[in-house]
Amino acid sequence: SGGVWATSSYHESVNAFGLSGIGELYLQAGYNAAQPIPISTEGEFSVLGHVGLRHSINTSWRYGDGLHAIERISLEPKLRSWYDTDLHIGADIGLYFDTVVNYLAPLSVGVQVGYADDFWYSWGIRLPQF
């Protein structure tokens, strides 16, 4: 999707609430903001936000000669809301495997599934989030 938007996010440890992990507050506003939330494509100004949690489990799974590893598994549930002409609510969950492939080349491989006016999924590779 294309468009112009501004984003802001805030990350904080949630240990004070008796949870382990990192919480995130995220806000995006603009014209034709990005997927996967199905924001209006008719050129209307839209606002979306989410609150989420990233809970990571450190591992030391090594394979073959030890240069291939899964360093961390992260679970990322999020509650999303967006406004185009009406207020909408959706949610999704992501599962990511932070890997090291040959000489410290970090990659995060994962999948997300969610609901936002309809069910959706995505999978791919990203840089690990710290």
N, C-alpha and C. Protein backbone atom coordinates (compact mmCIF):
# COMPACT_ATOMS: atom_id res chain seq x y z
N SER A 1 0.85 -1.18 0.00
CA SER A 1 0.00 0.00 0.00
C SER A 1 0.88 1.23 0.00
N GLY A 2 0.35 2.31 -0.47
CA GLY A 2 1.10 3.54 -0.50
C GLY A 2 0.36 4.62 0.26
N GLY A 3 1.06 5.63 0.63
CA GLY A 3 0.43 6.73 1.34
C GLY A 3 1.46 7.52 2.12
N VAL A 4 0.98 8.46 2.87
CA VAL A 4 1.83 9.29 3.71
C VAL A 4 1.31 9.17 5.12
N TRP A 5 2.19 8.85 6.07
CA TRP A 5 1.75 8.72 7.44
C TRP A 5 2.89 9.04 8.39
N ALA A 6 2.53 9.32 9.62
CA ALA A 6 3.50 9.56 10.68
C ALA A 6 3.29 8.51 11.75
N THR A 7 4.37 8.03 12.34
CA THR A 7 4.27 6.99 13.37
C THR A 7 5.05 7.39 14.61
N SER A 8 4.61 6.88 15.71
CA SER A 8 5.31 7.06 16.97
C SER A 8 5.08 5.82 17.82
N SER A 9 6.09 5.38 18.57
CA SER A 9 5.91 4.22 19.42
C SER A 9 6.69 4.40 20.71
N TYR A 10 6.26 3.71 21.73
CA TYR A 10 6.88 3.77 23.05
C TYR A 10 7.00 2.36 23.59
N HIS A 11 8.19 1.97 24.00
CA HIS A 11 8.44 0.63 24.54
C HIS A 11 8.85 0.75 26.00
N GLU A 12 8.36 -0.15 26.82
CA GLU A 12 8.67 -0.12 28.24
C GLU A 12 8.58 -1.53 28.81
N SER A 13 9.43 -1.85 29.76
CA SER A 13 9.35 -3.13 30.46
C SER A 13 8.03 -3.19 31.22
N VAL A 14 7.41 -4.36 31.24
CA VAL A 14 6.14 -4.53 31.96
C VAL A 14 6.34 -5.30 33.26
N ASN A 15 7.58 -5.37 33.75
CA ASN A 15 7.84 -6.07 35.01
C ASN A 15 7.09 -5.46 36.18
N ALA A 16 6.84 -4.15 36.15
CA ALA A 16 6.13 -3.49 37.24
C ALA A 16 4.69 -4.00 37.36
N PHE A 17 4.15 -4.59 36.32
CA PHE A 17 2.79 -5.11 36.33
C PHE A 17 2.75 -6.61 36.60
N GLY A 18 3.88 -7.18 36.96
CA GLY A 18 3.94 -8.61 37.24
C GLY A 18 4.03 -9.47 35.99
N LEU A 19 4.34 -8.87 34.85
CA LEU A 19 4.50 -9.60 33.60
C LEU A 19 5.96 -9.54 33.18
N SER A 20 6.39 -10.50 32.39
CA SER A 20 7.74 -10.43 31.83
C SER A 20 7.63 -10.11 30.35
N GLY A 21 8.44 -9.18 29.92
CA GLY A 21 8.43 -8.81 28.51
C GLY A 21 8.47 -7.31 28.35
N ILE A 22 8.26 -6.88 27.11
CA ILE A 22 8.29 -5.47 26.74
C ILE A 22 6.91 -5.09 26.21
N GLY A 23 6.34 -4.02 26.76
CA GLY A 23 5.07 -3.51 26.25
C GLY A 23 5.32 -2.44 25.22
N GLU A 24 4.37 -2.26 24.32
CA GLU A 24 4.51 -1.26 23.27
C GLU A 24 3.19 -0.53 23.08
N LEU A 25 3.28 0.79 23.01
CA LEU A 25 2.16 1.63 22.57
C LEU A 25 2.57 2.22 21.23
N TYR A 26 1.68 2.16 20.25
CA TYR A 26 2.03 2.56 18.89
C TYR A 26 0.90 3.38 18.32
N LEU A 27 1.23 4.45 17.62
CA LEU A 27 0.23 5.30 16.98
C LEU A 27 0.70 5.65 15.58
N GLN A 28 -0.21 5.54 14.62
CA GLN A 28 0.09 5.87 13.23
C GLN A 28 -1.08 6.70 12.70
N ALA A 29 -0.78 7.79 12.02
CA ALA A 29 -1.83 8.63 11.46
C ALA A 29 -1.40 9.07 10.07
N GLY A 30 -2.36 9.19 9.17
CA GLY A 30 -2.01 9.66 7.84
C GLY A 30 -3.04 9.33 6.78
N TYR A 31 -2.58 9.44 5.58
CA TYR A 31 -3.39 9.24 4.38
C TYR A 31 -3.05 7.88 3.81
N ASN A 32 -4.04 6.99 3.75
CA ASN A 32 -3.82 5.62 3.28
C ASN A 32 -2.73 4.91 4.08
N ALA A 33 -2.91 4.82 5.37
CA ALA A 33 -1.90 4.17 6.21
C ALA A 33 -1.77 2.70 5.84
N ALA A 34 -0.69 2.06 6.32
CA ALA A 34 -0.27 0.74 5.83
C ALA A 34 -1.11 -0.41 6.37
N GLN A 35 -1.07 -1.51 5.65
CA GLN A 35 -1.70 -2.76 6.04
C GLN A 35 -0.94 -3.34 7.23
N PRO A 36 -1.41 -4.37 7.95
CA PRO A 36 -2.50 -5.26 7.56
C PRO A 36 -3.88 -4.78 7.96
N ILE A 37 -3.99 -3.69 8.71
CA ILE A 37 -5.32 -3.20 9.08
C ILE A 37 -5.96 -2.62 7.83
N PRO A 38 -7.19 -3.03 7.52
CA PRO A 38 -7.82 -2.59 6.26
C PRO A 38 -8.37 -1.18 6.35
N ILE A 39 -7.46 -0.20 6.43
CA ILE A 39 -7.87 1.19 6.49
C ILE A 39 -8.40 1.62 5.13
N SER A 40 -9.34 2.55 5.14
CA SER A 40 -9.98 3.01 3.92
C SER A 40 -8.95 3.38 2.85
N THR A 41 -9.20 2.94 1.63
CA THR A 41 -8.30 3.27 0.51
C THR A 41 -8.89 4.38 -0.34
N GLU A 42 -9.85 5.11 0.18
CA GLU A 42 -10.49 6.18 -0.59
C GLU A 42 -9.86 7.53 -0.31
N GLY A 43 -8.69 7.56 0.28
CA GLY A 43 -8.00 8.80 0.49
C GLY A 43 -8.38 9.55 1.75
N GLU A 44 -9.05 8.88 2.67
CA GLU A 44 -9.45 9.54 3.89
C GLU A 44 -8.32 9.52 4.91
N PHE A 45 -8.32 10.52 5.77
CA PHE A 45 -7.36 10.55 6.86
C PHE A 45 -7.71 9.46 7.85
N SER A 46 -6.72 8.70 8.29
CA SER A 46 -6.95 7.56 9.17
C SER A 46 -5.98 7.60 10.34
N VAL A 47 -6.39 7.02 11.43
CA VAL A 47 -5.56 6.90 12.62
C VAL A 47 -5.64 5.46 13.09
N LEU A 48 -4.50 4.85 13.41
CA LEU A 48 -4.53 3.53 14.01
C LEU A 48 -3.55 3.48 15.16
N GLY A 49 -3.82 2.59 16.09
CA GLY A 49 -2.93 2.42 17.22
C GLY A 49 -3.01 0.99 17.72
N HIS A 50 -2.01 0.59 18.46
CA HIS A 50 -2.09 -0.72 19.09
C HIS A 50 -1.35 -0.71 20.42
N VAL A 51 -1.77 -1.61 21.26
CA VAL A 51 -1.05 -1.88 22.49
C VAL A 51 -0.67 -3.35 22.43
N GLY A 52 0.57 -3.65 22.74
CA GLY A 52 1.01 -5.03 22.59
C GLY A 52 2.06 -5.41 23.62
N LEU A 53 2.40 -6.67 23.60
CA LEU A 53 3.38 -7.23 24.52
C LEU A 53 4.31 -8.14 23.73
N ARG A 54 5.60 -8.05 24.01
CA ARG A 54 6.57 -8.98 23.40
C ARG A 54 7.22 -9.76 24.53
N HIS A 55 6.93 -11.04 24.57
CA HIS A 55 7.51 -11.92 25.58
C HIS A 55 8.49 -12.84 24.88
N SER A 56 9.74 -12.80 25.29
CA SER A 56 10.79 -13.57 24.63
C SER A 56 11.36 -14.62 25.57
N ILE A 57 11.68 -15.77 25.00
CA ILE A 57 12.33 -16.86 25.73
C ILE A 57 13.69 -17.07 25.09
N ASN A 58 14.75 -16.89 25.85
CA ASN A 58 16.09 -17.12 25.33
C ASN A 58 16.36 -18.61 25.22
N THR A 59 16.96 -19.00 24.13
CA THR A 59 17.34 -20.40 23.91
C THR A 59 18.81 -20.43 23.50
N SER A 60 19.35 -21.57 23.39
CA SER A 60 20.71 -21.72 22.85
C SER A 60 20.73 -22.97 21.98
N TRP A 61 19.77 -23.03 21.07
CA TRP A 61 19.69 -24.17 20.17
C TRP A 61 20.67 -23.98 19.03
N ARG A 62 21.67 -24.84 18.94
CA ARG A 62 22.70 -24.76 17.91
C ARG A 62 22.62 -25.98 17.01
N TYR A 63 22.94 -25.78 15.75
CA TYR A 63 22.82 -26.85 14.77
C TYR A 63 24.11 -27.00 13.98
N GLY A 64 24.35 -28.21 13.55
CA GLY A 64 25.50 -28.49 12.69
C GLY A 64 26.80 -28.09 13.35
N ASP A 65 27.53 -27.19 12.71
CA ASP A 65 28.83 -26.77 13.23
C ASP A 65 28.73 -25.69 14.30
N GLY A 66 27.51 -25.37 14.74
CA GLY A 66 27.31 -24.36 15.78
C GLY A 66 27.14 -22.95 15.25
N LEU A 67 27.31 -22.74 13.95
CA LEU A 67 27.15 -21.41 13.37
C LEU A 67 25.69 -21.09 13.07
N HIS A 68 24.84 -22.08 13.12
CA HIS A 68 23.41 -21.87 12.92
C HIS A 68 22.72 -22.05 14.27
N ALA A 69 21.91 -21.07 14.66
CA ALA A 69 21.31 -21.12 15.99
C ALA A 69 19.97 -20.42 16.01
N ILE A 70 19.12 -20.85 16.93
CA ILE A 70 17.92 -20.10 17.30
C ILE A 70 18.21 -19.54 18.68
N GLU A 71 18.36 -18.22 18.75
CA GLU A 71 18.77 -17.57 19.99
C GLU A 71 17.58 -17.23 20.89
N ARG A 72 16.41 -16.98 20.27
CA ARG A 72 15.29 -16.48 21.05
C ARG A 72 13.99 -16.78 20.32
N ILE A 73 12.94 -17.07 21.07
CA ILE A 73 11.59 -17.23 20.54
C ILE A 73 10.75 -16.12 21.17
N SER A 74 10.03 -15.37 20.34
CA SER A 74 9.22 -14.26 20.84
C SER A 74 7.76 -14.45 20.46
N LEU A 75 6.90 -14.20 21.44
CA LEU A 75 5.45 -14.22 21.25
C LEU A 75 4.96 -12.79 21.38
N GLU A 76 4.20 -12.29 20.39
CA GLU A 76 3.80 -10.88 20.36
C GLU A 76 2.30 -10.73 20.12
N PRO A 77 1.48 -10.74 21.19
CA PRO A 77 0.06 -10.45 21.01
C PRO A 77 -0.18 -8.93 20.99
N LYS A 78 -1.15 -8.49 20.18
CA LYS A 78 -1.46 -7.06 20.07
C LYS A 78 -2.96 -6.86 19.94
N LEU A 79 -3.44 -5.81 20.55
CA LEU A 79 -4.82 -5.35 20.39
C LEU A 79 -4.76 -4.07 19.59
N ARG A 80 -5.48 -4.04 18.47
CA ARG A 80 -5.41 -2.90 17.56
C ARG A 80 -6.74 -2.18 17.48
N SER A 81 -6.67 -0.90 17.24
CA SER A 81 -7.86 -0.10 17.00
C SER A 81 -7.53 0.91 15.91
N TRP A 82 -8.48 1.22 15.08
CA TRP A 82 -8.25 2.23 14.05
C TRP A 82 -9.54 2.97 13.75
N TYR A 83 -9.36 4.19 13.26
CA TYR A 83 -10.49 5.05 12.92
C TYR A 83 -10.28 5.59 11.53
N ASP A 84 -11.24 5.31 10.64
CA ASP A 84 -11.25 5.97 9.34
C ASP A 84 -12.51 6.84 9.27
N THR A 85 -13.66 6.23 9.11
CA THR A 85 -14.91 6.95 9.30
C THR A 85 -15.69 6.38 10.47
N ASP A 86 -15.29 5.20 10.92
CA ASP A 86 -15.85 4.54 12.10
C ASP A 86 -14.71 4.00 12.94
N LEU A 87 -15.02 3.64 14.18
CA LEU A 87 -14.03 3.05 15.07
C LEU A 87 -14.06 1.54 14.90
N HIS A 88 -12.91 0.91 14.73
CA HIS A 88 -12.78 -0.54 14.54
C HIS A 88 -11.82 -1.11 15.57
N ILE A 89 -11.96 -2.39 15.87
CA ILE A 89 -11.06 -3.08 16.79
C ILE A 89 -10.63 -4.40 16.17
N GLY A 90 -9.39 -4.75 16.32
CA GLY A 90 -8.86 -6.02 15.83
C GLY A 90 -7.77 -6.51 16.77
N ALA A 91 -7.27 -7.68 16.52
CA ALA A 91 -6.21 -8.25 17.35
C ALA A 91 -5.37 -9.19 16.49
N ASP A 92 -4.13 -9.38 16.89
CA ASP A 92 -3.29 -10.35 16.20
C ASP A 92 -2.25 -10.89 17.16
N ILE A 93 -1.62 -11.96 16.73
CA ILE A 93 -0.56 -12.58 17.51
C ILE A 93 0.55 -13.01 16.55
N GLY A 94 1.77 -12.76 16.96
CA GLY A 94 2.92 -13.14 16.14
C GLY A 94 3.83 -14.08 16.90
N LEU A 95 4.47 -14.97 16.18
CA LEU A 95 5.45 -15.89 16.73
C LEU A 95 6.71 -15.76 15.89
N TYR A 96 7.84 -15.42 16.54
CA TYR A 96 9.07 -15.14 15.82
C TYR A 96 10.22 -15.96 16.39
N PHE A 97 11.09 -16.42 15.51
CA PHE A 97 12.29 -17.15 15.88
C PHE A 97 13.48 -16.30 15.47
N ASP A 98 14.20 -15.77 16.47
CA ASP A 98 15.39 -14.97 16.19
C ASP A 98 16.56 -15.92 15.99
N THR A 99 17.12 -15.89 14.81
CA THR A 99 18.13 -16.86 14.42
C THR A 99 19.47 -16.19 14.14
N VAL A 100 20.50 -16.97 14.16
CA VAL A 100 21.82 -16.54 13.71
C VAL A 100 22.24 -17.50 12.61
N VAL A 101 22.58 -16.94 11.48
CA VAL A 101 22.98 -17.75 10.34
C VAL A 101 24.40 -17.34 9.96
N ASN A 102 25.36 -18.23 10.20
CA ASN A 102 26.75 -17.99 9.79
C ASN A 102 27.33 -16.66 10.28
N TYR A 103 28.18 -16.70 11.22
CA TYR A 103 28.97 -15.56 11.65
C TYR A 103 28.13 -14.34 12.04
N LEU A 104 27.21 -14.54 12.94
CA LEU A 104 26.46 -13.45 13.57
C LEU A 104 25.59 -12.64 12.62
N ALA A 105 25.03 -13.24 11.61
CA ALA A 105 24.06 -12.56 10.76
C ALA A 105 22.67 -12.81 11.36
N PRO A 106 22.11 -11.84 12.12
CA PRO A 106 20.83 -12.09 12.79
C PRO A 106 19.64 -11.90 11.87
N LEU A 107 18.70 -12.80 11.96
CA LEU A 107 17.42 -12.70 11.24
C LEU A 107 16.32 -13.17 12.17
N SER A 108 15.14 -12.62 12.01
CA SER A 108 13.98 -13.07 12.76
C SER A 108 12.96 -13.59 11.75
N VAL A 109 12.62 -14.85 11.87
CA VAL A 109 11.68 -15.50 10.97
C VAL A 109 10.39 -15.73 11.74
N GLY A 110 9.26 -15.33 11.15
CA GLY A 110 8.04 -15.48 11.93
C GLY A 110 6.77 -15.46 11.12
N VAL A 111 5.67 -15.57 11.85
CA VAL A 111 4.34 -15.58 11.26
C VAL A 111 3.42 -14.78 12.17
N GLN A 112 2.45 -14.08 11.58
CA GLN A 112 1.42 -13.37 12.32
C GLN A 112 0.06 -13.79 11.80
N VAL A 113 -0.90 -13.93 12.69
CA VAL A 113 -2.29 -14.14 12.32
C VAL A 113 -3.12 -13.16 13.12
N GLY A 114 -4.25 -12.75 12.56
CA GLY A 114 -5.06 -11.78 13.27
C GLY A 114 -6.43 -11.61 12.66
N TYR A 115 -7.19 -10.74 13.30
CA TYR A 115 -8.52 -10.40 12.81
C TYR A 115 -8.65 -8.88 12.81
N ALA A 116 -9.07 -8.34 11.68
CA ALA A 116 -9.32 -6.92 11.54
C ALA A 116 -10.36 -6.76 10.44
N ASP A 117 -11.62 -6.83 10.80
CA ASP A 117 -12.76 -6.88 9.87
C ASP A 117 -12.78 -8.17 9.05
N ASP A 118 -11.72 -8.92 9.08
CA ASP A 118 -11.63 -10.23 8.45
C ASP A 118 -10.32 -10.85 8.94
N PHE A 119 -10.17 -12.16 8.79
CA PHE A 119 -8.95 -12.81 9.21
C PHE A 119 -7.85 -12.56 8.19
N TRP A 120 -6.61 -12.44 8.67
CA TRP A 120 -5.46 -12.23 7.81
C TRP A 120 -4.26 -12.95 8.41
N TYR A 121 -3.23 -13.14 7.60
CA TYR A 121 -1.98 -13.72 8.09
C TYR A 121 -0.83 -13.12 7.28
N SER A 122 0.34 -13.16 7.86
CA SER A 122 1.54 -12.77 7.13
C SER A 122 2.71 -13.57 7.67
N TRP A 123 3.72 -13.75 6.87
CA TRP A 123 4.93 -14.43 7.30
C TRP A 123 6.10 -13.78 6.58
N GLY A 124 7.26 -13.90 7.17
CA GLY A 124 8.42 -13.30 6.52
C GLY A 124 9.62 -13.24 7.44
N ILE A 125 10.57 -12.45 7.01
CA ILE A 125 11.85 -12.28 7.71
C ILE A 125 12.01 -10.81 8.03
N ARG A 126 12.49 -10.52 9.23
CA ARG A 126 12.76 -9.14 9.64
C ARG A 126 14.04 -9.15 10.47
N LEU A 127 14.52 -7.98 10.80
CA LEU A 127 15.64 -7.89 11.74
C LEU A 127 15.10 -8.10 13.14
N PRO A 128 15.85 -8.75 14.02
CA PRO A 128 15.38 -8.98 15.38
C PRO A 128 15.13 -7.67 16.11
N GLN A 129 14.12 -7.65 16.96
CA GLN A 129 13.81 -6.48 17.79
C GLN A 129 14.37 -6.69 19.18
N PHE A 130 15.03 -5.69 19.69
CA PHE A 130 15.67 -5.80 21.01
C PHE A 130 14.92 -5.00 22.04
